[in-house]
């Protein structure tokens, strides 16, 4: 419910250019000051590298790999529907653009530099890289978690959460996205993950 409320409120503020967007401007200004003060090429490269982890070239293959490994482990364990993790991984990869692209086109929010959108641009809200990272790594961890013990389950969940958080923060640090674009991507991905966790059949 919290994720849904945050997503609705942020989307409403983006749609009406509301006062909450002042948070975006404040955060961007603060990040610029910190970057100027530190003047660290290493941190800047780290921010760009983290941002790239949210691209489909990285996150989607990880999603497919997680689904394939989970399916193989369930096949070895004699589970009847061992193929389900692979199907879920493929459907998730197809769902990401269906969630993100129409929203970007509808909100048509300019990026942090404030330049008008070109004819071939969809807009910046919500962050596609953040959504892709949250769902790509999150669903892979969710599928693998059903085939491993409690310790590995915790490690996979923590790894997915850190990757999704790192991608979002890297985007904000590198000035690729407004913070609220990132927050919306986290919420959108989180809602899908929660629904998927409830829908998948339970394992002993």
N, C-alpha and C. Protein backbone atom coordinates (compact mmCIF):
# COMPACT_ATOMS: atom_id res chain seq x y z
N UNK A 1 0.83 -1.20 0.00
CA UNK A 1 0.00 0.00 0.00
C UNK A 1 0.87 1.26 0.00
N UNK A 2 1.96 1.21 0.78
CA UNK A 2 2.85 2.36 0.85
C UNK A 2 3.47 2.65 -0.51
N UNK A 3 3.92 1.60 -1.19
CA UNK A 3 4.51 1.79 -2.52
C UNK A 3 3.49 2.39 -3.48
N UNK A 4 2.27 1.90 -3.42
CA UNK A 4 1.22 2.42 -4.30
C UNK A 4 0.90 3.87 -4.03
N UNK A 5 0.82 4.23 -2.74
CA UNK A 5 0.52 5.61 -2.38
C UNK A 5 1.62 6.55 -2.84
N UNK A 6 2.87 6.15 -2.60
CA UNK A 6 4.00 6.99 -3.03
C UNK A 6 3.99 7.16 -4.55
N UNK A 7 3.76 6.07 -5.27
CA UNK A 7 3.75 6.14 -6.73
C UNK A 7 2.64 7.06 -7.24
N UNK A 8 1.46 6.96 -6.64
CA UNK A 8 0.33 7.79 -7.07
C UNK A 8 0.61 9.27 -6.77
N UNK A 9 1.11 9.56 -5.58
CA UNK A 9 1.37 10.95 -5.20
C UNK A 9 2.45 11.56 -6.09
N UNK A 10 3.54 10.84 -6.29
CA UNK A 10 4.63 11.36 -7.11
C UNK A 10 4.15 11.56 -8.55
N UNK A 11 3.41 10.59 -9.07
CA UNK A 11 2.91 10.70 -10.45
C UNK A 11 1.98 11.90 -10.59
N UNK A 12 1.14 12.11 -9.61
CA UNK A 12 0.22 13.27 -9.63
C UNK A 12 1.01 14.57 -9.64
N UNK A 13 2.04 14.65 -8.81
CA UNK A 13 2.84 15.87 -8.75
C UNK A 13 3.60 16.12 -10.05
N UNK A 14 4.08 15.05 -10.67
CA UNK A 14 4.76 15.20 -11.95
C UNK A 14 3.77 15.67 -13.02
N UNK A 15 2.56 15.10 -12.98
CA UNK A 15 1.55 15.44 -14.00
C UNK A 15 1.12 16.90 -13.91
N UNK A 16 1.04 17.44 -12.68
CA UNK A 16 0.53 18.81 -12.50
C UNK A 16 1.65 19.80 -12.23
N UNK A 17 2.92 19.33 -12.31
CA UNK A 17 4.07 20.18 -11.99
C UNK A 17 3.91 20.78 -10.60
N UNK A 18 3.63 19.92 -9.63
CA UNK A 18 3.32 20.34 -8.27
C UNK A 18 4.53 20.73 -7.45
N UNK A 19 4.29 21.21 -6.22
CA UNK A 19 5.38 21.68 -5.37
C UNK A 19 6.35 20.59 -4.93
N UNK A 20 5.92 19.31 -4.97
CA UNK A 20 6.82 18.23 -4.57
C UNK A 20 8.03 18.14 -5.50
N UNK A 21 7.90 18.67 -6.71
CA UNK A 21 9.04 18.64 -7.63
C UNK A 21 10.18 19.53 -7.15
N UNK A 22 9.90 20.37 -6.17
CA UNK A 22 10.97 21.15 -5.56
C UNK A 22 12.00 20.25 -4.90
N UNK A 23 11.58 19.07 -4.44
CA UNK A 23 12.53 18.11 -3.87
C UNK A 23 13.56 17.71 -4.93
N UNK A 24 13.09 17.50 -6.15
CA UNK A 24 14.01 17.15 -7.23
C UNK A 24 15.06 18.24 -7.44
N UNK A 25 14.60 19.48 -7.49
CA UNK A 25 15.53 20.58 -7.74
C UNK A 25 16.51 20.74 -6.58
N UNK A 26 16.00 20.56 -5.35
CA UNK A 26 16.87 20.70 -4.18
C UNK A 26 17.93 19.60 -4.17
N UNK A 27 17.51 18.35 -4.43
CA UNK A 27 18.46 17.23 -4.43
C UNK A 27 19.49 17.40 -5.53
N UNK A 28 19.05 17.83 -6.71
CA UNK A 28 19.99 18.02 -7.82
C UNK A 28 21.02 19.09 -7.47
N UNK A 29 20.57 20.18 -6.87
CA UNK A 29 21.49 21.24 -6.48
C UNK A 29 22.48 20.73 -5.43
N UNK A 30 21.99 19.97 -4.44
CA UNK A 30 22.86 19.44 -3.39
C UNK A 30 23.89 18.47 -3.98
N UNK A 31 23.46 17.62 -4.90
CA UNK A 31 24.39 16.67 -5.52
C UNK A 31 25.45 17.41 -6.31
N UNK A 32 25.05 18.47 -7.02
CA UNK A 32 26.03 19.25 -7.78
C UNK A 32 27.07 19.87 -6.85
N UNK A 33 26.63 20.37 -5.71
CA UNK A 33 27.57 20.97 -4.76
C UNK A 33 28.55 19.94 -4.21
N UNK A 34 28.02 18.75 -3.88
CA UNK A 34 28.88 17.68 -3.36
C UNK A 34 29.87 17.25 -4.43
N UNK A 35 29.40 17.07 -5.66
CA UNK A 35 30.30 16.66 -6.74
C UNK A 35 31.39 17.71 -6.98
N UNK A 36 31.01 18.97 -6.94
CA UNK A 36 32.00 20.03 -7.15
C UNK A 36 33.00 20.07 -6.01
N UNK A 37 32.50 19.83 -4.79
CA UNK A 37 33.40 19.86 -3.64
C UNK A 37 34.38 18.69 -3.62
N UNK A 38 33.88 17.51 -3.95
CA UNK A 38 34.75 16.33 -3.94
C UNK A 38 35.65 16.27 -5.17
N UNK A 39 35.09 16.66 -6.31
CA UNK A 39 35.83 16.65 -7.59
C UNK A 39 36.54 15.31 -7.77
N UNK A 40 35.77 14.22 -7.62
CA UNK A 40 36.33 12.88 -7.67
C UNK A 40 35.94 12.21 -8.97
N UNK A 41 36.92 11.98 -9.83
CA UNK A 41 36.66 11.27 -11.08
C UNK A 41 36.25 9.83 -10.81
N UNK A 42 36.78 9.25 -9.71
CA UNK A 42 36.45 7.87 -9.36
C UNK A 42 34.96 7.74 -9.02
N UNK A 43 34.45 8.66 -8.20
CA UNK A 43 33.03 8.62 -7.84
C UNK A 43 32.14 8.86 -9.06
N UNK A 44 32.57 9.74 -9.94
CA UNK A 44 31.79 10.00 -11.14
C UNK A 44 31.73 8.77 -12.05
N UNK A 45 32.86 8.08 -12.17
CA UNK A 45 32.88 6.85 -12.98
C UNK A 45 32.05 5.76 -12.31
N UNK A 46 32.09 5.72 -10.97
CA UNK A 46 31.28 4.74 -10.24
C UNK A 46 29.79 4.99 -10.46
N UNK A 47 29.40 6.28 -10.42
CA UNK A 47 28.00 6.61 -10.67
C UNK A 47 27.55 6.19 -12.05
N UNK A 48 28.40 6.39 -13.04
CA UNK A 48 28.05 5.99 -14.40
C UNK A 48 27.99 4.47 -14.53
N UNK A 49 28.92 3.78 -13.85
CA UNK A 49 28.93 2.32 -13.91
C UNK A 49 27.67 1.74 -13.25
N UNK A 50 27.28 2.31 -12.11
CA UNK A 50 26.06 1.86 -11.46
C UNK A 50 24.84 2.12 -12.32
N UNK A 51 24.82 3.27 -12.98
CA UNK A 51 23.70 3.58 -13.87
C UNK A 51 23.58 2.55 -14.98
N UNK A 52 24.73 2.15 -15.53
CA UNK A 52 24.73 1.19 -16.63
C UNK A 52 24.20 -0.17 -16.21
N UNK A 53 24.28 -0.50 -14.93
CA UNK A 53 23.77 -1.79 -14.46
C UNK A 53 22.24 -1.86 -14.57
N UNK A 54 21.59 -0.72 -14.77
CA UNK A 54 20.15 -0.72 -14.95
C UNK A 54 19.72 -0.87 -16.39
N UNK A 55 20.66 -0.95 -17.31
CA UNK A 55 20.32 -1.12 -18.72
C UNK A 55 19.89 -2.55 -19.02
N UNK A 56 19.11 -2.70 -20.07
CA UNK A 56 18.65 -4.03 -20.44
C UNK A 56 19.78 -4.96 -20.86
N UNK A 57 20.89 -4.41 -21.31
CA UNK A 57 22.01 -5.23 -21.74
C UNK A 57 22.60 -6.02 -20.58
N UNK A 58 22.48 -5.49 -19.35
CA UNK A 58 23.04 -6.16 -18.18
C UNK A 58 21.94 -6.84 -17.37
N UNK A 59 20.90 -6.09 -17.01
CA UNK A 59 19.89 -6.59 -16.08
C UNK A 59 19.04 -7.71 -16.67
N UNK A 60 18.68 -7.62 -17.95
CA UNK A 60 17.82 -8.64 -18.54
C UNK A 60 18.53 -9.99 -18.67
N UNK A 61 19.80 -10.04 -19.13
CA UNK A 61 20.49 -11.34 -19.11
C UNK A 61 20.60 -11.94 -17.70
N UNK A 62 20.80 -11.09 -16.69
CA UNK A 62 20.83 -11.61 -15.32
C UNK A 62 19.47 -12.21 -14.95
N UNK A 63 18.40 -11.54 -15.37
CA UNK A 63 17.05 -12.06 -15.14
C UNK A 63 16.87 -13.42 -15.81
N UNK A 64 17.29 -13.55 -17.07
CA UNK A 64 17.16 -14.82 -17.78
C UNK A 64 18.02 -15.91 -17.12
N UNK A 65 19.22 -15.51 -16.69
CA UNK A 65 20.10 -16.49 -16.04
C UNK A 65 19.49 -16.98 -14.73
N UNK A 66 18.92 -16.05 -13.95
CA UNK A 66 18.28 -16.44 -12.70
C UNK A 66 17.11 -17.39 -12.94
N UNK A 67 16.31 -17.09 -13.97
CA UNK A 67 15.20 -17.98 -14.30
C UNK A 67 15.67 -19.35 -14.75
N UNK A 68 16.74 -19.38 -15.57
CA UNK A 68 17.26 -20.66 -16.07
C UNK A 68 17.84 -21.50 -14.94
N UNK A 69 18.60 -20.88 -14.05
CA UNK A 69 19.20 -21.62 -12.93
C UNK A 69 18.11 -22.14 -12.00
N UNK A 70 17.10 -21.30 -11.72
CA UNK A 70 16.00 -21.74 -10.86
C UNK A 70 15.23 -22.89 -11.50
N UNK A 71 14.99 -22.82 -12.81
CA UNK A 71 14.29 -23.90 -13.51
C UNK A 71 15.10 -25.19 -13.47
N UNK A 72 16.40 -25.09 -13.66
CA UNK A 72 17.26 -26.27 -13.61
C UNK A 72 17.26 -26.90 -12.23
N UNK A 73 17.34 -26.08 -11.19
CA UNK A 73 17.33 -26.60 -9.83
C UNK A 73 15.99 -27.27 -9.51
N UNK A 74 14.90 -26.70 -9.99
CA UNK A 74 13.59 -27.31 -9.74
C UNK A 74 13.42 -28.60 -10.55
N UNK A 75 13.99 -28.62 -11.76
CA UNK A 75 13.97 -29.85 -12.55
C UNK A 75 14.73 -30.96 -11.84
N UNK A 76 15.90 -30.61 -11.29
CA UNK A 76 16.70 -31.60 -10.56
C UNK A 76 15.98 -32.08 -9.31
N UNK A 77 15.17 -31.20 -8.71
CA UNK A 77 14.45 -31.56 -7.49
C UNK A 77 13.15 -32.31 -7.77
N UNK A 78 12.82 -32.47 -9.05
CA UNK A 78 11.61 -33.21 -9.40
C UNK A 78 10.32 -32.42 -9.26
N UNK A 79 10.40 -31.09 -9.32
CA UNK A 79 9.21 -30.26 -9.24
C UNK A 79 8.42 -30.40 -10.53
N UNK A 80 7.10 -30.51 -10.41
CA UNK A 80 6.26 -30.75 -11.59
C UNK A 80 6.36 -29.60 -12.59
N UNK A 81 6.18 -28.39 -12.11
CA UNK A 81 6.23 -27.23 -13.01
C UNK A 81 7.60 -26.57 -12.93
N UNK A 82 8.62 -27.34 -13.23
CA UNK A 82 9.99 -26.84 -13.13
C UNK A 82 10.27 -25.72 -14.12
N UNK A 83 9.49 -25.67 -15.20
CA UNK A 83 9.70 -24.68 -16.26
C UNK A 83 9.16 -23.29 -15.90
N UNK A 84 8.40 -23.18 -14.81
CA UNK A 84 7.75 -21.92 -14.47
C UNK A 84 8.73 -20.75 -14.29
N UNK A 85 9.87 -20.93 -13.60
CA UNK A 85 10.80 -19.79 -13.46
C UNK A 85 11.27 -19.21 -14.79
N UNK A 86 11.51 -20.07 -15.77
CA UNK A 86 11.92 -19.56 -17.08
C UNK A 86 10.83 -18.74 -17.75
N UNK A 87 9.61 -19.20 -17.64
CA UNK A 87 8.49 -18.47 -18.22
C UNK A 87 8.32 -17.12 -17.52
N UNK A 88 8.42 -17.11 -16.19
CA UNK A 88 8.28 -15.87 -15.43
C UNK A 88 9.36 -14.87 -15.83
N UNK A 89 10.59 -15.35 -16.02
CA UNK A 89 11.68 -14.46 -16.42
C UNK A 89 11.40 -13.82 -17.77
N UNK A 90 10.94 -14.62 -18.73
CA UNK A 90 10.66 -14.09 -20.07
C UNK A 90 9.50 -13.09 -20.02
N UNK A 91 8.44 -13.42 -19.28
CA UNK A 91 7.29 -12.52 -19.18
C UNK A 91 7.68 -11.22 -18.48
N UNK A 92 8.55 -11.30 -17.49
CA UNK A 92 9.00 -10.09 -16.79
C UNK A 92 9.76 -9.18 -17.74
N UNK A 93 10.64 -9.77 -18.55
CA UNK A 93 11.41 -8.97 -19.51
C UNK A 93 10.48 -8.26 -20.49
N UNK A 94 9.39 -8.92 -20.88
CA UNK A 94 8.43 -8.28 -21.77
C UNK A 94 7.55 -7.26 -21.09
N UNK A 95 7.35 -7.44 -19.77
CA UNK A 95 6.50 -6.52 -19.03
C UNK A 95 7.15 -5.16 -18.80
N UNK A 96 8.47 -5.14 -18.65
CA UNK A 96 9.16 -3.89 -18.31
C UNK A 96 8.86 -2.77 -19.31
N UNK A 97 9.06 -2.97 -20.61
CA UNK A 97 8.73 -1.87 -21.54
C UNK A 97 7.24 -1.56 -21.58
N UNK A 98 6.39 -2.55 -21.33
CA UNK A 98 4.95 -2.30 -21.33
C UNK A 98 4.54 -1.39 -20.18
N UNK A 99 5.28 -1.44 -19.08
CA UNK A 99 5.01 -0.57 -17.93
C UNK A 99 5.63 0.81 -18.11
N UNK A 100 6.85 0.85 -18.63
CA UNK A 100 7.63 2.08 -18.63
C UNK A 100 7.35 2.98 -19.83
N UNK A 101 7.34 2.41 -21.02
CA UNK A 101 7.25 3.24 -22.23
C UNK A 101 5.95 4.06 -22.29
N UNK A 102 4.76 3.45 -22.06
CA UNK A 102 3.54 4.28 -22.09
C UNK A 102 3.54 5.38 -21.04
N UNK A 103 4.09 5.09 -19.85
CA UNK A 103 4.15 6.11 -18.80
C UNK A 103 5.07 7.26 -19.20
N UNK A 104 6.23 6.93 -19.77
CA UNK A 104 7.15 7.97 -20.22
C UNK A 104 6.49 8.85 -21.28
N UNK A 105 5.79 8.20 -22.22
CA UNK A 105 5.16 8.96 -23.29
C UNK A 105 4.02 9.83 -22.76
N UNK A 106 3.30 9.34 -21.78
CA UNK A 106 2.15 10.10 -21.26
C UNK A 106 2.59 11.29 -20.42
N UNK A 107 3.55 11.06 -19.50
CA UNK A 107 4.02 12.15 -18.64
C UNK A 107 4.92 13.12 -19.41
N UNK A 108 5.71 12.60 -20.35
CA UNK A 108 6.58 13.43 -21.19
C UNK A 108 7.38 14.44 -20.37
N UNK A 109 7.97 13.96 -19.31
CA UNK A 109 8.72 14.86 -18.42
C UNK A 109 10.13 15.11 -18.96
N UNK A 110 10.54 16.37 -19.06
CA UNK A 110 11.92 16.65 -19.49
C UNK A 110 12.92 16.16 -18.45
N UNK A 111 14.14 15.93 -18.90
CA UNK A 111 15.19 15.48 -18.00
C UNK A 111 15.74 16.61 -17.13
N UNK A 112 16.74 16.30 -16.32
CA UNK A 112 17.29 17.29 -15.40
C UNK A 112 17.85 18.55 -16.07
N UNK A 113 18.27 18.45 -17.32
CA UNK A 113 18.82 19.63 -17.99
C UNK A 113 17.73 20.55 -18.52
N UNK A 114 16.47 20.11 -18.48
CA UNK A 114 15.36 20.97 -18.84
C UNK A 114 15.16 21.21 -20.32
N UNK A 115 15.84 20.45 -21.16
CA UNK A 115 15.69 20.64 -22.60
C UNK A 115 14.36 20.06 -23.07
N UNK A 116 13.71 20.67 -24.02
CA UNK A 116 12.45 20.12 -24.55
C UNK A 116 12.67 18.75 -25.15
N UNK A 117 11.66 17.89 -25.05
CA UNK A 117 11.77 16.55 -25.60
C UNK A 117 11.80 16.60 -27.13
N UNK A 118 12.67 15.80 -27.70
CA UNK A 118 12.70 15.67 -29.15
C UNK A 118 11.54 14.79 -29.60
N UNK A 119 11.29 14.76 -30.88
CA UNK A 119 10.16 14.00 -31.40
C UNK A 119 10.30 12.51 -31.14
N UNK A 120 11.54 12.01 -31.05
CA UNK A 120 11.76 10.58 -30.85
C UNK A 120 12.02 10.23 -29.39
N UNK A 121 11.79 11.16 -28.46
CA UNK A 121 12.01 10.90 -27.04
C UNK A 121 10.68 10.66 -26.33
N UNK A 122 10.72 9.76 -25.31
CA UNK A 122 9.51 9.42 -24.57
C UNK A 122 9.35 10.26 -23.31
N UNK A 123 10.42 10.74 -22.74
CA UNK A 123 10.37 11.42 -21.46
C UNK A 123 11.16 10.66 -20.41
N UNK A 124 11.30 11.27 -19.26
CA UNK A 124 12.19 10.73 -18.23
C UNK A 124 11.44 10.04 -17.09
N UNK A 125 10.13 10.18 -17.01
CA UNK A 125 9.40 9.65 -15.86
C UNK A 125 8.48 8.51 -16.30
N UNK A 126 8.57 7.36 -15.59
CA UNK A 126 9.51 6.98 -14.53
C UNK A 126 10.84 6.52 -15.13
N UNK A 127 11.82 6.32 -14.28
CA UNK A 127 13.14 5.90 -14.74
C UNK A 127 13.09 4.46 -15.24
N UNK A 128 13.38 4.28 -16.52
CA UNK A 128 13.40 2.94 -17.08
C UNK A 128 14.54 2.09 -16.55
N UNK A 129 15.71 2.70 -16.35
CA UNK A 129 16.85 1.95 -15.82
C UNK A 129 16.56 1.46 -14.40
N UNK A 130 15.93 2.32 -13.59
CA UNK A 130 15.62 1.91 -12.22
C UNK A 130 14.60 0.79 -12.20
N UNK A 131 13.57 0.91 -13.02
CA UNK A 131 12.54 -0.14 -13.09
C UNK A 131 13.15 -1.44 -13.59
N UNK A 132 13.99 -1.35 -14.62
CA UNK A 132 14.63 -2.55 -15.17
C UNK A 132 15.51 -3.22 -14.14
N UNK A 133 16.28 -2.44 -13.39
CA UNK A 133 17.14 -3.01 -12.35
C UNK A 133 16.32 -3.65 -11.24
N UNK A 134 15.27 -2.95 -10.79
CA UNK A 134 14.46 -3.47 -9.69
C UNK A 134 13.81 -4.79 -10.08
N UNK A 135 13.26 -4.86 -11.29
CA UNK A 135 12.60 -6.08 -11.73
C UNK A 135 13.59 -7.14 -12.21
N UNK A 136 14.61 -6.72 -12.93
CA UNK A 136 15.57 -7.70 -13.44
C UNK A 136 16.28 -8.44 -12.32
N UNK A 137 16.89 -7.70 -11.41
CA UNK A 137 17.62 -8.34 -10.31
C UNK A 137 16.65 -8.87 -9.25
N UNK A 138 15.55 -8.16 -9.04
CA UNK A 138 14.59 -8.59 -8.02
C UNK A 138 13.90 -9.89 -8.37
N UNK A 139 13.43 -10.02 -9.61
CA UNK A 139 12.76 -11.25 -10.01
C UNK A 139 13.74 -12.42 -10.07
N UNK A 140 14.96 -12.16 -10.54
CA UNK A 140 15.98 -13.22 -10.54
C UNK A 140 16.21 -13.73 -9.12
N UNK A 141 16.32 -12.80 -8.16
CA UNK A 141 16.52 -13.21 -6.77
C UNK A 141 15.30 -13.94 -6.23
N UNK A 142 14.11 -13.48 -6.60
CA UNK A 142 12.88 -14.12 -6.13
C UNK A 142 12.78 -15.56 -6.64
N UNK A 143 13.11 -15.76 -7.91
CA UNK A 143 13.04 -17.11 -8.48
C UNK A 143 14.08 -18.03 -7.86
N UNK A 144 15.29 -17.51 -7.68
CA UNK A 144 16.35 -18.33 -7.08
C UNK A 144 16.06 -18.62 -5.61
N UNK A 145 15.41 -17.68 -4.93
CA UNK A 145 15.13 -17.84 -3.50
C UNK A 145 14.25 -19.05 -3.23
N UNK A 146 13.45 -19.46 -4.20
CA UNK A 146 12.55 -20.59 -4.02
C UNK A 146 13.27 -21.93 -4.11
N UNK A 147 14.56 -21.89 -4.46
CA UNK A 147 15.31 -23.13 -4.66
C UNK A 147 16.50 -23.27 -3.72
N UNK A 148 16.68 -22.29 -2.82
CA UNK A 148 17.86 -22.32 -1.94
C UNK A 148 17.42 -22.20 -0.49
N UNK A 149 18.39 -22.30 0.41
CA UNK A 149 18.11 -22.22 1.83
C UNK A 149 17.96 -20.79 2.32
N UNK A 150 17.63 -20.62 3.61
CA UNK A 150 17.38 -19.28 4.16
C UNK A 150 18.57 -18.33 4.02
N UNK A 151 19.78 -18.82 4.23
CA UNK A 151 20.95 -17.93 4.15
C UNK A 151 21.15 -17.40 2.74
N UNK A 152 21.12 -18.30 1.76
CA UNK A 152 21.28 -17.87 0.37
C UNK A 152 20.10 -17.01 -0.09
N UNK A 153 18.92 -17.30 0.46
CA UNK A 153 17.74 -16.50 0.13
C UNK A 153 17.95 -15.06 0.58
N UNK A 154 18.47 -14.90 1.77
CA UNK A 154 18.73 -13.56 2.30
C UNK A 154 19.80 -12.85 1.49
N UNK A 155 20.85 -13.58 1.11
CA UNK A 155 21.93 -12.97 0.34
C UNK A 155 21.43 -12.52 -1.04
N UNK A 156 20.61 -13.33 -1.69
CA UNK A 156 20.11 -12.96 -3.01
C UNK A 156 19.19 -11.75 -2.93
N UNK A 157 18.37 -11.70 -1.89
CA UNK A 157 17.47 -10.55 -1.73
C UNK A 157 18.27 -9.28 -1.44
N UNK A 158 19.27 -9.40 -0.58
CA UNK A 158 20.09 -8.23 -0.26
C UNK A 158 20.87 -7.75 -1.48
N UNK A 159 21.39 -8.70 -2.26
CA UNK A 159 22.12 -8.33 -3.46
C UNK A 159 21.23 -7.59 -4.46
N UNK A 160 20.01 -8.10 -4.66
CA UNK A 160 19.09 -7.45 -5.59
C UNK A 160 18.72 -6.05 -5.11
N UNK A 161 18.48 -5.91 -3.80
CA UNK A 161 18.12 -4.60 -3.25
C UNK A 161 19.27 -3.61 -3.39
N UNK A 162 20.48 -4.06 -3.14
CA UNK A 162 21.64 -3.17 -3.26
C UNK A 162 21.87 -2.74 -4.71
N UNK A 163 21.68 -3.66 -5.64
CA UNK A 163 21.85 -3.32 -7.05
C UNK A 163 20.80 -2.31 -7.50
N UNK A 164 19.54 -2.54 -7.11
CA UNK A 164 18.48 -1.60 -7.49
C UNK A 164 18.72 -0.23 -6.87
N UNK A 165 19.14 -0.21 -5.61
CA UNK A 165 19.43 1.06 -4.95
C UNK A 165 20.63 1.74 -5.60
N UNK A 166 21.65 0.97 -5.92
CA UNK A 166 22.85 1.54 -6.53
C UNK A 166 22.58 2.15 -7.89
N UNK A 167 21.75 1.48 -8.68
CA UNK A 167 21.40 2.02 -10.00
C UNK A 167 20.68 3.36 -9.85
N UNK A 168 19.70 3.41 -8.96
CA UNK A 168 18.95 4.65 -8.76
C UNK A 168 19.82 5.79 -8.28
N UNK A 169 20.68 5.51 -7.31
CA UNK A 169 21.55 6.55 -6.79
C UNK A 169 22.59 6.97 -7.83
N UNK A 170 23.07 6.00 -8.62
CA UNK A 170 24.00 6.34 -9.69
C UNK A 170 23.39 7.25 -10.73
N UNK A 171 22.12 7.03 -11.05
CA UNK A 171 21.42 7.89 -12.01
C UNK A 171 21.28 9.31 -11.49
N UNK A 172 20.93 9.43 -10.20
CA UNK A 172 20.79 10.76 -9.61
C UNK A 172 22.15 11.45 -9.49
N UNK A 173 23.18 10.70 -9.12
CA UNK A 173 24.52 11.27 -8.98
C UNK A 173 25.05 11.75 -10.33
N UNK A 174 24.80 10.97 -11.36
CA UNK A 174 25.32 11.30 -12.69
C UNK A 174 24.47 12.32 -13.43
N UNK A 175 23.39 12.78 -12.82
CA UNK A 175 22.49 13.78 -13.40
C UNK A 175 21.76 13.24 -14.63
N UNK A 176 21.52 11.92 -14.63
CA UNK A 176 20.77 11.30 -15.72
C UNK A 176 19.27 11.35 -15.47
N UNK A 177 18.88 11.44 -14.20
CA UNK A 177 17.46 11.41 -13.84
C UNK A 177 17.20 12.29 -12.62
N UNK A 178 15.99 12.81 -12.56
CA UNK A 178 15.51 13.42 -11.32
C UNK A 178 15.33 12.33 -10.27
N UNK A 179 15.42 12.71 -9.00
CA UNK A 179 15.26 11.73 -7.92
C UNK A 179 13.87 11.09 -7.95
N UNK A 180 12.83 11.87 -8.21
CA UNK A 180 11.48 11.31 -8.21
C UNK A 180 11.26 10.34 -9.36
N UNK A 181 11.98 10.50 -10.46
CA UNK A 181 11.94 9.49 -11.53
C UNK A 181 12.41 8.15 -10.98
N UNK A 182 13.48 8.22 -10.20
CA UNK A 182 14.07 7.01 -9.61
C UNK A 182 13.12 6.40 -8.59
N UNK A 183 12.55 7.24 -7.73
CA UNK A 183 11.62 6.75 -6.70
C UNK A 183 10.44 6.04 -7.36
N UNK A 184 9.92 6.60 -8.45
CA UNK A 184 8.81 5.97 -9.16
C UNK A 184 9.22 4.61 -9.73
N UNK A 185 10.44 4.51 -10.24
CA UNK A 185 10.93 3.23 -10.76
C UNK A 185 11.02 2.19 -9.67
N UNK A 186 11.51 2.59 -8.48
CA UNK A 186 11.57 1.66 -7.35
C UNK A 186 10.17 1.20 -6.95
N UNK A 187 9.24 2.12 -6.87
CA UNK A 187 7.87 1.78 -6.46
C UNK A 187 7.21 0.87 -7.49
N UNK A 188 7.35 1.19 -8.76
CA UNK A 188 6.74 0.40 -9.81
C UNK A 188 7.28 -1.03 -9.79
N UNK A 189 8.60 -1.14 -9.72
CA UNK A 189 9.20 -2.47 -9.67
C UNK A 189 8.84 -3.21 -8.40
N UNK A 190 8.78 -2.51 -7.27
CA UNK A 190 8.43 -3.14 -6.01
C UNK A 190 7.02 -3.69 -6.00
N UNK A 191 6.10 -2.97 -6.59
CA UNK A 191 4.71 -3.44 -6.65
C UNK A 191 4.60 -4.72 -7.48
N UNK A 192 5.31 -4.77 -8.60
CA UNK A 192 5.29 -5.98 -9.43
C UNK A 192 5.92 -7.15 -8.67
N UNK A 193 7.02 -6.88 -7.97
CA UNK A 193 7.67 -7.94 -7.20
C UNK A 193 6.76 -8.50 -6.11
N UNK A 194 6.06 -7.62 -5.42
CA UNK A 194 5.16 -8.08 -4.36
C UNK A 194 4.03 -8.92 -4.94
N UNK A 195 3.47 -8.46 -6.06
CA UNK A 195 2.41 -9.24 -6.69
C UNK A 195 2.90 -10.59 -7.17
N UNK A 196 4.11 -10.62 -7.73
CA UNK A 196 4.67 -11.88 -8.22
C UNK A 196 4.96 -12.83 -7.07
N UNK A 197 5.46 -12.30 -5.96
CA UNK A 197 5.76 -13.14 -4.81
C UNK A 197 4.50 -13.80 -4.26
N UNK A 198 3.37 -13.08 -4.33
CA UNK A 198 2.11 -13.65 -3.86
C UNK A 198 1.53 -14.65 -4.87
N UNK A 199 1.79 -14.43 -6.15
CA UNK A 199 1.21 -15.27 -7.19
C UNK A 199 1.93 -16.59 -7.35
N UNK A 200 3.26 -16.59 -7.20
CA UNK A 200 4.02 -17.81 -7.40
C UNK A 200 3.62 -18.88 -6.37
N UNK A 201 3.46 -20.11 -6.79
CA UNK A 201 3.11 -21.18 -5.83
C UNK A 201 4.18 -21.35 -4.78
N UNK A 202 3.75 -21.61 -3.57
CA UNK A 202 4.68 -21.74 -2.45
C UNK A 202 5.51 -23.02 -2.58
N UNK A 203 6.73 -22.95 -2.06
CA UNK A 203 7.60 -24.13 -2.00
C UNK A 203 7.86 -24.46 -0.55
N UNK A 204 8.10 -25.73 -0.27
CA UNK A 204 8.42 -26.12 1.10
C UNK A 204 9.77 -25.56 1.49
